[in-house]
Amino acid sequence: QVRLVESGGGLVQAGGSLRLSCAASGRTFSNYAMGWFRRAPGKERGMVASITSEGSTYYPDSVKGRFTIARDNAKNTVYLQINSLKREDTAVYYCAAWQAASYKVWGQGTQVTVSS
Protein backbone atom coordinates (compact mmCIF):
# COMPACT_ATOMS: atom_id res chain seq x y z
CA GLN A 1 0.00 0.00 0.00
CA VAL A 2 1.43 3.36 -1.03
CA ARG A 3 1.41 6.26 1.41
CA LEU A 4 1.64 9.88 0.33
CA VAL A 5 3.01 12.97 2.11
CA GLU A 6 2.73 16.44 0.59
CA SER A 7 5.00 19.38 1.36
CA GLY A 8 5.98 22.74 -0.04
CA GLY A 9 2.89 24.77 0.68
CA GLY A 10 2.97 28.16 2.36
CA LEU A 11 2.14 31.83 2.12
CA VAL A 12 3.18 33.50 -1.11
CA GLN A 13 2.43 36.78 -2.82
CA ALA A 14 0.36 36.90 -5.95
CA GLY A 15 2.56 36.50 -8.99
CA GLY A 16 4.99 34.26 -7.17
CA SER A 17 5.74 30.57 -7.59
CA LEU A 18 5.69 27.43 -5.50
CA ARG A 19 6.73 23.87 -6.01
CA LEU A 20 4.76 21.27 -4.13
CA SER A 21 6.15 17.82 -3.52
CA CYS A 22 4.43 14.53 -2.84
CA ALA A 23 6.64 11.80 -1.45
CA ALA A 24 5.38 8.26 -1.80
CA SER A 25 6.35 5.17 0.12
CA GLY A 26 6.30 1.78 -1.50
CA ARG A 27 8.35 0.15 -4.22
CA THR A 28 5.66 0.27 -6.90
CA PHE A 29 5.29 4.05 -7.12
CA SER A 30 6.37 4.09 -10.75
CA ASN A 31 3.36 1.95 -11.67
CA TYR A 32 0.80 4.49 -10.47
CA ALA A 33 -0.79 7.36 -12.24
CA MET A 34 -0.73 10.35 -9.90
CA GLY A 35 -2.91 13.40 -9.52
CA TRP A 36 -2.90 16.76 -7.78
CA PHE A 37 -6.16 18.16 -6.49
CA ARG A 38 -7.15 21.21 -4.52
CA ARG A 39 -9.98 22.29 -2.29
CA ALA A 40 -10.55 25.99 -1.90
CA PRO A 41 -12.62 27.38 0.98
CA GLY A 42 -16.29 26.75 0.34
CA LYS A 43 -15.64 24.76 -2.83
CA GLU A 44 -15.45 21.12 -3.78
CA ARG A 45 -12.18 19.37 -4.38
CA GLY A 46 -11.09 19.40 -8.01
CA MET A 47 -8.24 18.07 -10.08
CA VAL A 48 -5.51 20.46 -11.20
CA ALA A 49 -3.07 18.03 -12.82
CA SER A 50 -2.39 14.37 -13.46
CA ILE A 51 0.45 12.29 -14.79
CA THR A 52 0.45 8.71 -15.98
CA SER A 53 3.07 6.13 -15.17
CA GLU A 54 4.50 6.80 -18.64
CA GLY A 55 4.66 10.55 -18.04
CA SER A 56 1.67 11.81 -20.01
CA THR A 57 0.11 14.83 -18.37
CA TYR A 58 -3.30 16.44 -18.17
CA TYR A 59 -4.41 19.87 -16.95
CA PRO A 60 -7.84 21.44 -16.85
CA ASP A 61 -8.12 24.65 -18.83
CA SER A 62 -8.36 26.67 -15.63
CA VAL A 63 -4.69 26.05 -14.77
CA LYS A 64 -3.13 25.16 -18.11
CA GLY A 65 0.01 27.16 -18.73
CA ARG A 66 0.64 27.93 -15.05
CA PHE A 67 0.74 24.47 -13.46
CA THR A 68 3.25 21.76 -14.31
CA ILE A 69 3.22 18.24 -12.94
CA ALA A 70 6.31 16.05 -13.02
CA ARG A 71 7.46 12.84 -11.43
CA ASP A 72 10.80 11.43 -10.39
CA ASN A 73 10.37 7.70 -10.01
CA ALA A 74 13.88 7.30 -8.61
CA LYS A 75 12.86 9.55 -5.71
CA ASN A 76 9.28 8.24 -5.45
CA THR A 77 8.10 11.82 -5.74
CA VAL A 78 5.63 13.77 -7.81
CA TYR A 79 5.84 17.56 -8.07
CA LEU A 80 3.49 20.39 -8.87
CA GLN A 81 5.07 23.63 -10.04
CA ILE A 82 2.70 26.58 -9.78
CA ASN A 83 3.67 29.84 -11.44
CA SER A 84 2.00 33.25 -11.59
CA LEU A 85 0.04 32.47 -8.45
CA LYS A 86 -3.35 34.10 -8.06
CA ARG A 87 -5.46 34.64 -4.98
CA GLU A 88 -7.92 32.09 -6.30
CA ASP A 89 -5.18 29.46 -6.11
CA THR A 90 -5.53 29.58 -2.32
CA ALA A 91 -6.51 26.06 -1.30
CA VAL A 92 -5.40 22.87 0.34
CA TYR A 93 -3.53 20.84 -2.26
CA TYR A 94 -3.62 17.05 -2.20
CA CYS A 95 -1.83 14.41 -4.18
CA ALA A 96 -3.42 11.08 -4.90
CA ALA A 97 -2.47 7.74 -6.43
CA TRP A 98 -4.66 6.00 -8.99
CA GLN A 99 -5.47 2.43 -8.10
CA ALA A 100 -8.02 0.12 -9.64
CA ALA A 101 -10.05 2.68 -11.58
CA SER A 102 -10.04 5.54 -9.10
CA TYR A 103 -7.87 7.74 -6.92
CA LYS A 104 -7.83 5.63 -3.77
CA VAL A 105 -4.79 6.78 -1.84
CA TRP A 106 -4.60 10.39 -0.66
CA GLY A 107 -2.10 12.50 1.20
CA GLN A 108 -2.99 14.76 4.10
CA GLY A 109 -2.75 17.93 2.04
CA THR A 110 -0.62 21.06 2.11
CA GLN A 111 -2.00 24.59 2.46
CA VAL A 112 -1.24 27.20 -0.18
CA THR A 113 -2.24 30.76 0.63
CA VAL A 114 -1.79 33.53 -1.90
CA SER A 115 -1.82 37.11 -0.68
CA SER A 116 -2.39 40.20 -2.78
C-alpha atoms as a PDB file:
ATOM      1  CA  GLN A   1       0.000   0.000   0.000  1.00  0.00           C
ATOM      2  CA  VAL A   2       1.428   3.355  -1.029  1.00  0.00           C
ATOM      3  CA  ARG A   3       1.411   6.262   1.408  1.00  0.00           C
ATOM      4  CA  LEU A   4       1.639   9.885   0.331  1.00  0.00           C
ATOM      5  CA  VAL A   5       3.005  12.967   2.114  1.00  0.00           C
ATOM      6  CA  GLU A   6       2.725  16.435   0.591  1.00  0.00           C
ATOM      7  CA  SER A   7       5.003  19.376   1.357  1.00  0.00           C
ATOM      8  CA  GLY A   8       5.981  22.739  -0.040  1.00  0.00           C
ATOM      9  CA  GLY A   9       2.890  24.772   0.684  1.00  0.00           C
ATOM     10  CA  GLY A  10       2.968  28.155   2.359  1.00  0.00           C
ATOM     11  CA  LEU A  11       2.138  31.828   2.122  1.00  0.00           C
ATOM     12  CA  VAL A  12       3.185  33.496  -1.109  1.00  0.00           C
ATOM     13  CA  GLN A  13       2.428  36.783  -2.820  1.00  0.00           C
ATOM     14  CA  ALA A  14       0.357  36.898  -5.955  1.00  0.00           C
ATOM     15  CA  GLY A  15       2.562  36.498  -8.994  1.00  0.00           C
ATOM     16  CA  GLY A  16       4.994  34.258  -7.175  1.00  0.00           C
ATOM     17  CA  SER A  17       5.744  30.574  -7.589  1.00  0.00           C
ATOM     18  CA  LEU A  18       5.692  27.433  -5.500  1.00  0.00           C
ATOM     19  CA  ARG A  19       6.730  23.867  -6.006  1.00  0.00           C
ATOM     20  CA  LEU A  20       4.756  21.275  -4.134  1.00  0.00           C
ATOM     21  CA  SER A  21       6.150  17.822  -3.521  1.00  0.00           C
ATOM     22  CA  CYS A  22       4.432  14.531  -2.836  1.00  0.00           C
ATOM     23  CA  ALA A  23       6.642  11.804  -1.451  1.00  0.00           C
ATOM     24  CA  ALA A  24       5.383   8.264  -1.796  1.00  0.00           C
ATOM     25  CA  SER A  25       6.347   5.171   0.116  1.00  0.00           C
ATOM     26  CA  GLY A  26       6.305   1.777  -1.504  1.00  0.00           C
ATOM     27  CA  ARG A  27       8.351   0.155  -4.216  1.00  0.00           C
ATOM     28  CA  THR A  28       5.663   0.266  -6.904  1.00  0.00           C
ATOM     29  CA  PHE A  29       5.286   4.051  -7.119  1.00  0.00           C
ATOM     30  CA  SER A  30       6.368   4.093 -10.750  1.00  0.00           C
ATOM     31  CA  ASN A  31       3.356   1.953 -11.674  1.00  0.00           C
ATOM     32  CA  TYR A  32       0.797   4.492 -10.465  1.00  0.00           C
ATOM     33  CA  ALA A  33      -0.785   7.356 -12.245  1.00  0.00           C
ATOM     34  CA  MET A  34      -0.734  10.354  -9.897  1.00  0.00           C
ATOM     35  CA  GLY A  35      -2.905  13.403  -9.524  1.00  0.00           C
ATOM     36  CA  TRP A  36      -2.900  16.759  -7.783  1.00  0.00           C
ATOM     37  CA  PHE A  37      -6.157  18.160  -6.492  1.00  0.00           C
ATOM     38  CA  ARG A  38      -7.150  21.207  -4.519  1.00  0.00           C
ATOM     39  CA  ARG A  39      -9.983  22.291  -2.287  1.00  0.00           C
ATOM     40  CA  ALA A  40     -10.551  25.986  -1.900  1.00  0.00           C
ATOM     41  CA  PRO A  41     -12.619  27.375   0.977  1.00  0.00           C
ATOM     42  CA  GLY A  42     -16.287  26.746   0.343  1.00  0.00           C
ATOM     43  CA  LYS A  43     -15.636  24.757  -2.834  1.00  0.00           C
ATOM     44  CA  GLU A  44     -15.453  21.119  -3.781  1.00  0.00           C
ATOM     45  CA  ARG A  45     -12.181  19.368  -4.379  1.00  0.00           C
ATOM     46  CA  GLY A  46     -11.091  19.402  -8.012  1.00  0.00           C
ATOM     47  CA  MET A  47      -8.242  18.072 -10.081  1.00  0.00           C
ATOM     48  CA  VAL A  48      -5.509  20.456 -11.199  1.00  0.00           C
ATOM     49  CA  ALA A  49      -3.066  18.035 -12.818  1.00  0.00           C
ATOM     50  CA  SER A  50      -2.392  14.370 -13.455  1.00  0.00           C
ATOM     51  CA  ILE A  51       0.454  12.285 -14.794  1.00  0.00           C
ATOM     52  CA  THR A  52       0.446   8.707 -15.980  1.00  0.00           C
ATOM     53  CA  SER A  53       3.073   6.127 -15.166  1.00  0.00           C
ATOM     54  CA  GLU A  54       4.504   6.803 -18.639  1.00  0.00           C
ATOM     55  CA  GLY A  55       4.662  10.555 -18.037  1.00  0.00           C
ATOM     56  CA  SER A  56       1.672  11.814 -20.009  1.00  0.00           C
ATOM     57  CA  THR A  57       0.106  14.827 -18.367  1.00  0.00           C
ATOM     58  CA  TYR A  58      -3.298  16.445 -18.173  1.00  0.00           C
ATOM     59  CA  TYR A  59      -4.411  19.871 -16.949  1.00  0.00           C
ATOM     60  CA  PRO A  60      -7.843  21.441 -16.852  1.00  0.00           C
ATOM     61  CA  ASP A  61      -8.120  24.653 -18.826  1.00  0.00           C
ATOM     62  CA  SER A  62      -8.365  26.672 -15.627  1.00  0.00           C
ATOM     63  CA  VAL A  63      -4.691  26.046 -14.766  1.00  0.00           C
ATOM     64  CA  LYS A  64      -3.134  25.162 -18.113  1.00  0.00           C
ATOM     65  CA  GLY A  65       0.009  27.163 -18.728  1.00  0.00           C
ATOM     66  CA  ARG A  66       0.644  27.933 -15.050  1.00  0.00           C
ATOM     67  CA  PHE A  67       0.741  24.467 -13.462  1.00  0.00           C
ATOM     68  CA  THR A  68       3.250  21.759 -14.307  1.00  0.00           C
ATOM     69  CA  ILE A  69       3.223  18.241 -12.940  1.00  0.00           C
ATOM     70  CA  ALA A  70       6.307  16.050 -13.020  1.00  0.00           C
ATOM     71  CA  ARG A  71       7.462  12.841 -11.434  1.00  0.00           C
ATOM     72  CA  ASP A  72      10.801  11.433 -10.387  1.00  0.00           C
ATOM     73  CA  ASN A  73      10.374   7.699 -10.005  1.00  0.00           C
ATOM     74  CA  ALA A  74      13.879   7.300  -8.609  1.00  0.00           C
ATOM     75  CA  LYS A  75      12.857   9.549  -5.712  1.00  0.00           C
ATOM     76  CA  ASN A  76       9.278   8.242  -5.450  1.00  0.00           C
ATOM     77  CA  THR A  77       8.101  11.825  -5.735  1.00  0.00           C
ATOM     78  CA  VAL A  78       5.634  13.773  -7.814  1.00  0.00           C
ATOM     79  CA  TYR A  79       5.839  17.559  -8.068  1.00  0.00           C
ATOM     80  CA  LEU A  80       3.488  20.386  -8.869  1.00  0.00           C
ATOM     81  CA  GLN A  81       5.065  23.627 -10.044  1.00  0.00           C
ATOM     82  CA  ILE A  82       2.703  26.577  -9.775  1.00  0.00           C
ATOM     83  CA  ASN A  83       3.673  29.842 -11.437  1.00  0.00           C
ATOM     84  CA  SER A  84       2.001  33.251 -11.592  1.00  0.00           C
ATOM     85  CA  LEU A  85       0.044  32.469  -8.449  1.00  0.00           C
ATOM     86  CA  LYS A  86      -3.354  34.097  -8.062  1.00  0.00           C
ATOM     87  CA  ARG A  87      -5.456  34.643  -4.977  1.00  0.00           C
ATOM     88  CA  GLU A  88      -7.923  32.091  -6.298  1.00  0.00           C
ATOM     89  CA  ASP A  89      -5.184  29.456  -6.106  1.00  0.00           C
ATOM     90  CA  THR A  90      -5.529  29.584  -2.317  1.00  0.00           C
ATOM     91  CA  ALA A  91      -6.512  26.064  -1.296  1.00  0.00           C
ATOM     92  CA  VAL A  92      -5.396  22.868   0.341  1.00  0.00           C
ATOM     93  CA  TYR A  93      -3.529  20.840  -2.256  1.00  0.00           C
ATOM     94  CA  TYR A  94      -3.624  17.054  -2.205  1.00  0.00           C
ATOM     95  CA  CYS A  95      -1.834  14.413  -4.180  1.00  0.00           C
ATOM     96  CA  ALA A  96      -3.417  11.075  -4.903  1.00  0.00           C
ATOM     97  CA  ALA A  97      -2.468   7.741  -6.432  1.00  0.00           C
ATOM     98  CA  TRP A  98      -4.664   5.997  -8.987  1.00  0.00           C
ATOM     99  CA  GLN A  99      -5.468   2.428  -8.102  1.00  0.00           C
ATOM    100  CA  ALA A 100      -8.024   0.116  -9.636  1.00  0.00           C
ATOM    101  CA  ALA A 101     -10.052   2.681 -11.577  1.00  0.00           C
ATOM    102  CA  SER A 102     -10.039   5.539  -9.097  1.00  0.00           C
ATOM    103  CA  TYR A 103      -7.869   7.739  -6.915  1.00  0.00           C
ATOM    104  CA  LYS A 104      -7.834   5.632  -3.771  1.00  0.00           C
ATOM    105  CA  VAL A 105      -4.791   6.779  -1.840  1.00  0.00           C
ATOM    106  CA  TRP A 106      -4.596  10.387  -0.662  1.00  0.00           C
ATOM    107  CA  GLY A 107      -2.102  12.504   1.196  1.00  0.00           C
ATOM    108  CA  GLN A 108      -2.986  14.759   4.097  1.00  0.00           C
ATOM    109  CA  GLY A 109      -2.752  17.933   2.040  1.00  0.00           C
ATOM    110  CA  THR A 110      -0.623  21.062   2.108  1.00  0.00           C
ATOM    111  CA  GLN A 111      -1.998  24.594   2.456  1.00  0.00           C
ATOM    112  CA  VAL A 112      -1.241  27.201  -0.183  1.00  0.00           C
ATOM    113  CA  THR A 113      -2.235  30.756   0.631  1.00  0.00           C
ATOM    114  CA  VAL A 114      -1.793  33.528  -1.902  1.00  0.00           C
ATOM    115  CA  SER A 115      -1.819  37.107  -0.683  1.00  0.00           C
ATOM    116  CA  SER A 116      -2.388  40.197  -2.781  1.00  0.00           C
END
